[in-house]
Amino acid sequence: MRKMNRIIFCFLLIFNLLPVFSQEYDIIVDRNGRGNFRNVQEALDSVRAFDPKGTVTIFIRDGVYKEKLVLPTYVCNVHIIGESRDKTIITYDDHANINKMGTFRTYTFLIRGNDITIENLTIENAAEQLGQAVALHLEGDRTIIRNCRLLGNQDTVYAGRENCRQYFENCYIEGTTDFIFGPSTCWFENCQIFCKKNSYITAASTPQNIAYGYIFNRCNITLAEGVSSVNLGRPWRPYAMTLFMNCRLPEGINPAGWHNWGKIENETTARYMEYNNSGAGAATVQRVKWAKILTTEEAAEYTLEKVMKGCDEWNFIFQKTP
């Protein structure tokens, strides 16, 4: 019997099937049929509404999943883990000018539930540059996105619900125009932001009564070849709040830094800030006068704990991957 068990173990190890039988994951998605489901949406649909058992873990094996995904409001406490960031790919190709669908139906992955963690995935909107095309659309609170690639052109990431908190860590985010936009409170930690054309990185629409919009900390901004004039942001709505701190800004960041979206009144309401950035694009001498360069004392207000805790004292920092 022991000999037979060793033979079975060796067989599973050789053919990389052990994760399928692991108790580490509740649900396994595999395009080749070696899991519980072949499609990601089927896995999401199988999760019980407001499951009282706690967090449900979904493991997605490497593959290209051409799907338009929706995780509804009643599906919460889900941890989605890809086998590898660059080879576990969720992709779709809607854009705003297909049947006049508009920006907000173009998503590849729409997340409405609370307490969702996404790791080790590529989420892509593969549409050509024919209109707005969202890859990741977030409406849930207490969302964590770790070690993911978020690929697209215009409007790649829509942080789409006010008073909701979304944390991005070690992510690669690329786009052309306003490719991080919306009203949510977002913290970007150690992310690479890749600008594919002369345009604008952010288009926050932070409400007036919300203290924190987008905070980029220790991020690396990079530019495609030939790109030479990128603005850090423009306000999609008055009172937009964005801060770049401890980031590397390359040559090619527009010396003015920020744009008022053609509305001079935005200059009196937009909350645009910088602190302790480095690189050729970090010089602030020619920045617009209505952007603020923080002092060390002022920058101390912007900590991960303060920005993310909210009224429920959310403390996700010590959450561990299963």
Protein backbone atom coordinates (compact mmCIF):
# COMPACT_ATOMS: atom_id res chain seq x y z
CA MET A 1 0.00 0.00 0.00
CA ARG A 2 2.81 2.42 0.88
CA LYS A 3 4.48 1.65 -2.43
CA MET A 4 1.23 2.37 -4.28
CA ASN A 5 0.82 5.70 -2.40
CA ARG A 6 4.35 6.71 -3.41
CA ILE A 7 3.60 5.87 -7.04
CA ILE A 8 0.41 7.98 -6.98
CA PHE A 9 2.23 10.90 -5.35
CA CYS A 10 5.02 10.78 -7.95
CA PHE A 11 2.46 10.67 -10.76
CA LEU A 12 0.67 13.76 -9.42
CA LEU A 13 3.94 15.59 -8.91
CA ILE A 14 5.18 14.83 -12.43
CA PHE A 15 1.98 15.98 -14.07
CA ASN A 16 1.53 18.99 -11.78
CA LEU A 17 -1.85 17.84 -10.55
CA LEU A 18 -1.28 18.19 -6.83
CA PRO A 19 -2.91 21.65 -6.52
CA VAL A 20 -6.16 20.20 -7.91
CA PHE A 21 -6.47 17.87 -4.93
CA SER A 22 -5.15 20.33 -2.36
CA GLN A 23 -7.41 21.35 0.51
CA GLU A 24 -5.81 24.78 0.27
CA TYR A 25 -8.43 26.03 -2.20
CA ASP A 26 -12.22 25.77 -2.10
CA ILE A 27 -12.66 26.01 -5.87
CA ILE A 28 -10.26 25.37 -8.74
CA VAL A 29 -10.73 26.73 -12.26
CA ASP A 30 -8.84 25.01 -15.09
CA ARG A 31 -9.43 25.46 -18.81
CA ASN A 32 -8.23 21.89 -19.37
CA GLY A 33 -10.90 20.39 -17.15
CA ARG A 34 -8.70 19.43 -14.19
CA GLY A 35 -10.61 21.55 -11.69
CA ASN A 36 -14.13 22.20 -10.50
CA PHE A 37 -14.92 24.54 -13.39
CA ARG A 38 -13.47 25.43 -16.79
CA ASN A 39 -14.70 29.05 -16.70
CA VAL A 40 -14.15 31.73 -14.06
CA GLN A 41 -17.73 33.03 -14.15
CA GLU A 42 -19.04 29.55 -13.33
CA ALA A 43 -16.80 29.53 -10.26
CA LEU A 44 -18.04 32.96 -9.14
CA ASP A 45 -21.65 31.90 -9.66
CA SER A 46 -21.11 28.87 -7.44
CA VAL A 47 -20.21 30.94 -4.36
CA ARG A 48 -23.05 31.11 -1.88
CA ALA A 49 -24.55 34.55 -1.25
CA PHE A 50 -23.11 36.06 1.93
CA ASP A 51 -21.55 32.68 2.69
CA PRO A 52 -21.55 32.24 6.50
CA LYS A 53 -18.52 29.93 6.32
CA GLY A 54 -16.23 32.90 5.70
CA THR A 55 -13.68 33.46 2.95
CA VAL A 56 -13.99 31.33 -0.19
CA THR A 57 -10.71 30.79 -2.04
CA ILE A 58 -10.74 30.34 -5.83
CA PHE A 59 -7.56 29.17 -7.56
CA ILE A 60 -7.28 29.80 -11.31
CA ARG A 61 -4.75 27.74 -13.20
CA ASP A 62 -2.70 29.26 -16.02
CA GLY A 63 -4.58 29.88 -19.24
CA VAL A 64 -6.36 32.54 -21.26
CA TYR A 65 -9.95 33.01 -20.14
CA LYS A 66 -11.89 35.17 -22.58
CA GLU A 67 -14.74 36.13 -20.30
CA LYS A 68 -16.68 39.21 -19.23
CA LEU A 69 -16.92 38.67 -15.48
CA VAL A 70 -19.32 40.00 -12.86
CA LEU A 71 -18.96 39.41 -9.13
CA PRO A 72 -22.27 40.68 -7.66
CA THR A 73 -22.85 42.57 -4.41
CA TYR A 74 -24.09 39.48 -2.56
CA VAL A 75 -20.84 37.57 -3.19
CA CYS A 76 -18.39 38.73 -0.52
CA ASN A 77 -15.27 37.45 1.22
CA VAL A 78 -13.73 35.87 -1.87
CA HIS A 79 -9.99 35.40 -2.44
CA ILE A 80 -9.10 34.82 -6.11
CA ILE A 81 -5.56 33.61 -6.80
CA GLY A 82 -4.01 33.05 -10.21
CA GLU A 83 -1.37 30.39 -10.72
CA SER A 84 1.00 33.00 -12.15
CA ARG A 85 0.54 36.69 -12.86
CA ASP A 86 1.67 36.70 -16.49
CA LYS A 87 0.10 33.41 -17.59
CA THR A 88 -3.27 33.50 -15.83
CA ILE A 89 -5.09 35.94 -18.10
CA ILE A 90 -8.67 37.16 -18.04
CA THR A 91 -9.41 39.15 -21.18
CA TYR A 92 -12.25 40.72 -23.12
CA ASP A 93 -12.48 43.44 -25.76
CA ASP A 94 -15.54 45.67 -25.36
CA HIS A 95 -15.20 49.40 -25.86
CA ALA A 96 -17.58 52.33 -25.45
CA ASN A 97 -18.43 52.69 -29.13
CA ILE A 98 -19.69 49.14 -29.64
CA ASN A 99 -23.46 49.54 -29.94
CA LYS A 100 -23.11 52.80 -27.99
CA MET A 101 -22.61 50.85 -24.76
CA GLY A 102 -20.77 53.70 -23.04
CA THR A 103 -17.82 53.48 -20.67
CA PHE A 104 -19.40 51.72 -17.72
CA ARG A 105 -20.43 48.53 -19.49
CA THR A 106 -17.07 47.91 -21.15
CA TYR A 107 -15.44 46.14 -18.17
CA THR A 108 -13.63 42.86 -18.42
CA PHE A 109 -14.07 42.21 -14.67
CA LEU A 110 -16.71 44.01 -12.59
CA ILE A 111 -16.39 43.54 -8.81
CA ARG A 112 -19.35 44.70 -6.72
CA GLY A 113 -18.96 42.55 -3.61
CA ASN A 114 -17.10 43.64 -0.49
CA ASP A 115 -13.96 42.07 0.99
CA ILE A 116 -12.54 40.71 -2.27
CA THR A 117 -8.84 39.96 -2.74
CA ILE A 118 -7.32 39.37 -6.18
CA GLU A 119 -3.76 38.07 -6.60
CA ASN A 120 -1.44 36.92 -9.39
CA LEU A 121 -3.73 37.68 -12.33
CA THR A 122 -3.64 39.59 -15.59
CA ILE A 123 -6.91 41.42 -16.23
CA GLU A 124 -7.01 42.91 -19.70
CA ASN A 125 -9.27 44.90 -21.94
CA ALA A 126 -7.85 44.00 -25.33
CA ALA A 127 -9.96 46.42 -27.38
CA GLU A 128 -8.16 48.57 -29.90
CA GLN A 129 -8.00 52.31 -29.20
CA LEU A 130 -11.51 52.98 -30.45
CA GLY A 131 -13.05 54.35 -27.25
CA GLN A 132 -13.07 53.97 -23.49
CA ALA A 133 -12.40 50.37 -22.48
CA VAL A 134 -12.32 49.34 -18.81
CA ALA A 135 -10.33 46.30 -17.71
CA LEU A 136 -11.10 46.32 -13.97
CA HIS A 137 -14.24 48.00 -12.62
CA LEU A 138 -14.42 48.16 -8.81
CA GLU A 139 -17.50 49.01 -6.77
CA GLY A 140 -16.84 46.97 -3.63
CA ASP A 141 -15.39 48.12 -0.32
CA ARG A 142 -12.26 46.69 1.30
CA THR A 143 -10.82 45.41 -1.98
CA ILE A 144 -7.21 44.23 -2.27
CA ILE A 145 -5.42 43.85 -5.62
CA ARG A 146 -1.94 42.31 -5.27
CA ASN A 147 0.68 41.41 -7.85
CA CYS A 148 -1.65 41.84 -10.81
CA ARG A 149 -1.26 43.22 -14.32
CA LEU A 150 -4.06 45.56 -15.36
CA LEU A 151 -3.85 46.14 -19.10
CA GLY A 152 -5.71 48.48 -21.40
CA ASN A 153 -5.73 51.86 -23.08
CA GLN A 154 -8.21 54.58 -22.13
CA ASP A 155 -9.91 54.05 -18.72
CA THR A 156 -8.11 50.85 -17.71
CA VAL A 157 -9.06 50.91 -14.00
CA TYR A 158 -12.37 52.38 -12.86
CA ALA A 159 -12.43 52.87 -9.09
CA GLY A 160 -16.12 53.34 -9.37
CA ARG A 161 -17.84 53.89 -6.05
CA GLU A 162 -17.42 56.72 -3.58
CA ASN A 163 -16.60 55.96 0.04
CA CYS A 164 -15.13 52.57 -0.91
CA ARG A 165 -11.52 51.58 -0.23
CA GLN A 166 -9.29 49.75 -2.68
CA TYR A 167 -5.67 48.80 -2.08
CA PHE A 168 -3.24 48.00 -4.91
CA GLU A 169 0.16 46.47 -4.15
CA ASN A 170 2.99 45.45 -6.50
CA CYS A 171 0.76 45.87 -9.54
CA TYR A 172 1.55 46.83 -13.12
CA ILE A 173 -1.03 49.24 -14.56
CA GLU A 174 -0.89 50.55 -18.10
CA GLY A 175 -2.99 52.83 -20.23
CA THR A 176 -3.29 55.89 -22.42
CA THR A 177 -5.80 58.47 -21.15
CA ASP A 178 -7.35 58.83 -17.65
CA PHE A 179 -6.48 55.19 -17.14
CA ILE A 180 -7.00 55.32 -13.38
CA PHE A 181 -10.28 57.12 -12.73
CA GLY A 182 -13.33 57.38 -10.49
CA PRO A 183 -14.49 58.40 -6.99
CA SER A 184 -13.09 55.66 -4.74
CA THR A 185 -10.37 55.96 -2.12
CA CYS A 186 -7.34 54.06 -3.49
CA TRP A 187 -3.85 53.44 -2.20
CA PHE A 188 -1.23 52.32 -4.74
CA GLU A 189 1.85 50.81 -3.08
CA ASN A 190 5.00 49.96 -5.05
CA CYS A 191 3.16 49.79 -8.36
CA GLN A 192 4.50 50.36 -11.87
CA ILE A 193 2.40 52.83 -13.85
CA PHE A 194 3.11 52.65 -17.59
CA CYS A 195 1.96 55.55 -19.78
CA LYS A 196 1.44 54.60 -23.42
CA LYS A 197 0.80 58.05 -24.90
CA ASN A 198 0.97 61.78 -24.15
CA SER A 199 -2.08 62.24 -21.96
CA TYR A 200 -3.21 61.98 -18.32
CA ILE A 201 -2.59 59.24 -15.76
CA THR A 202 -5.46 59.90 -13.34
CA ALA A 203 -8.95 61.37 -13.49
CA ALA A 204 -10.16 61.24 -9.92
CA SER A 205 -13.71 62.31 -9.05
CA THR A 206 -13.35 62.33 -5.27
CA PRO A 207 -16.47 63.79 -3.61
CA GLN A 208 -16.04 66.98 -1.60
CA ASN A 209 -16.85 65.25 1.70
CA ILE A 210 -14.31 62.41 1.23
CA ALA A 211 -10.86 63.17 2.65
CA TYR A 212 -8.81 60.76 0.55
CA GLY A 213 -8.82 60.00 -3.17
CA TYR A 214 -5.78 58.43 -4.85
CA ILE A 215 -2.47 58.03 -3.05
CA PHE A 216 0.52 56.69 -4.98
CA ASN A 217 3.36 55.69 -2.66
CA ARG A 218 6.74 54.33 -3.79
CA CYS A 219 5.44 53.85 -7.32
CA ASN A 220 7.52 53.91 -10.49
CA ILE A 221 6.06 55.87 -13.41
CA THR A 222 7.41 54.77 -16.79
CA LEU A 223 6.71 55.98 -20.32
CA ALA A 224 6.52 54.25 -23.68
CA GLU A 225 9.04 55.16 -26.32
CA GLY A 226 8.25 58.54 -27.86
CA VAL A 227 6.01 59.68 -24.98
CA SER A 228 7.19 63.10 -23.80
CA SER A 229 4.33 64.98 -22.11
CA VAL A 230 2.27 63.18 -19.46
CA ASN A 231 0.19 64.91 -16.80
CA LEU A 232 -0.17 63.31 -13.38
CA GLY A 233 -3.88 64.02 -13.38
CA ARG A 234 -6.88 66.09 -14.27
CA PRO A 235 -10.09 66.40 -12.23
CA TRP A 236 -12.99 64.45 -13.67
CA ARG A 237 -15.12 66.21 -11.04
CA PRO A 238 -14.42 69.14 -8.71
CA TYR A 239 -12.61 68.29 -5.47
CA ALA A 240 -10.62 65.46 -7.08
CA MET A 241 -7.85 64.36 -4.70
CA THR A 242 -4.57 62.78 -5.85
CA LEU A 243 -1.16 62.55 -4.19
CA PHE A 244 2.10 61.21 -5.58
CA MET A 245 4.68 60.66 -2.85
CA ASN A 246 8.00 58.87 -2.73
CA CYS A 247 7.50 58.01 -6.40
CA ARG A 248 9.91 58.00 -9.30
CA LEU A 249 8.80 60.40 -12.03
CA PRO A 250 10.69 60.20 -15.32
CA GLU A 251 11.61 62.81 -17.86
CA GLY A 252 8.49 63.25 -19.92
CA ILE A 253 6.22 64.23 -17.07
CA ASN A 254 4.79 67.58 -18.10
CA PRO A 255 6.59 70.27 -16.07
CA ALA A 256 3.18 71.75 -15.13
CA GLY A 257 2.29 68.38 -13.65
CA TRP A 258 -1.48 68.78 -13.56
CA HIS A 259 -4.33 69.93 -15.82
CA ASN A 260 -7.62 71.65 -14.95
CA TRP A 261 -9.64 69.82 -17.66
CA GLY A 262 -10.33 73.16 -19.33
CA LYS A 263 -12.29 74.47 -16.33
CA ILE A 264 -10.55 77.21 -14.39
CA GLU A 265 -12.94 76.72 -11.47
CA ASN A 266 -11.39 73.29 -10.88
CA GLU A 267 -8.22 75.06 -9.80
CA THR A 268 -9.95 76.25 -6.62
CA THR A 269 -11.29 72.82 -5.63
CA ALA A 270 -8.93 70.12 -6.92
CA ARG A 271 -6.70 68.63 -4.21
CA TYR A 272 -3.50 67.79 -6.08
CA MET A 273 -0.33 67.13 -4.10
CA GLU A 274 3.25 65.85 -4.35
CA TYR A 275 5.87 64.91 -1.81
CA ASN A 276 9.44 63.63 -1.91
CA ASN A 277 9.37 62.32 -5.47
CA SER A 278 12.54 61.63 -7.45
CA GLY A 279 13.62 61.43 -11.06
CA ALA A 280 13.86 63.94 -13.89
CA GLY A 281 10.10 64.54 -13.87
CA ALA A 282 9.89 65.34 -10.16
CA ALA A 283 11.06 68.96 -10.38
CA THR A 284 8.28 71.21 -9.10
CA VAL A 285 9.55 74.65 -10.15
CA GLN A 286 7.12 74.84 -13.09
CA ARG A 287 4.19 73.05 -11.46
CA VAL A 288 0.78 74.72 -11.65
CA LYS A 289 0.34 77.11 -8.76
CA TRP A 290 -2.81 75.37 -7.53
CA ALA A 291 -1.02 72.07 -6.85
CA LYS A 292 0.49 71.67 -3.40
CA ILE A 293 3.99 70.49 -2.53
CA LEU A 294 3.66 69.01 0.94
CA THR A 295 6.01 69.60 3.82
CA THR A 296 7.22 66.65 5.88
CA GLU A 297 4.70 67.52 8.58
CA GLU A 298 1.84 67.71 6.09
CA ALA A 299 2.84 64.45 4.41
CA ALA A 300 2.65 62.67 7.79
CA GLU A 301 -1.15 62.88 7.49
CA TYR A 302 -1.10 60.44 4.59
CA THR A 303 -0.39 57.01 6.01
CA LEU A 304 -1.79 53.70 4.87
CA GLU A 305 -3.52 53.14 8.19
CA LYS A 306 -5.27 56.53 8.17
CA VAL A 307 -6.35 56.38 4.55
CA MET A 308 -7.71 52.83 4.63
CA LYS A 309 -9.16 52.45 8.12
CA GLY A 310 -12.50 54.20 7.53
CA CYS A 311 -15.21 54.13 10.19
CA ASP A 312 -14.87 50.35 10.62
CA GLU A 313 -11.14 50.47 11.46
CA TRP A 314 -10.29 48.15 8.55
CA ASN A 315 -6.87 46.63 9.17
CA PHE A 316 -5.86 44.44 6.26
CA ILE A 317 -2.11 44.84 6.61
CA PHE A 318 -1.68 41.56 8.44
CA GLN A 319 -3.99 39.52 6.22
CA LYS A 320 -2.13 36.51 4.88
CA THR A 321 -2.40 34.63 1.63
CA PRO A 322 -3.81 31.13 2.33
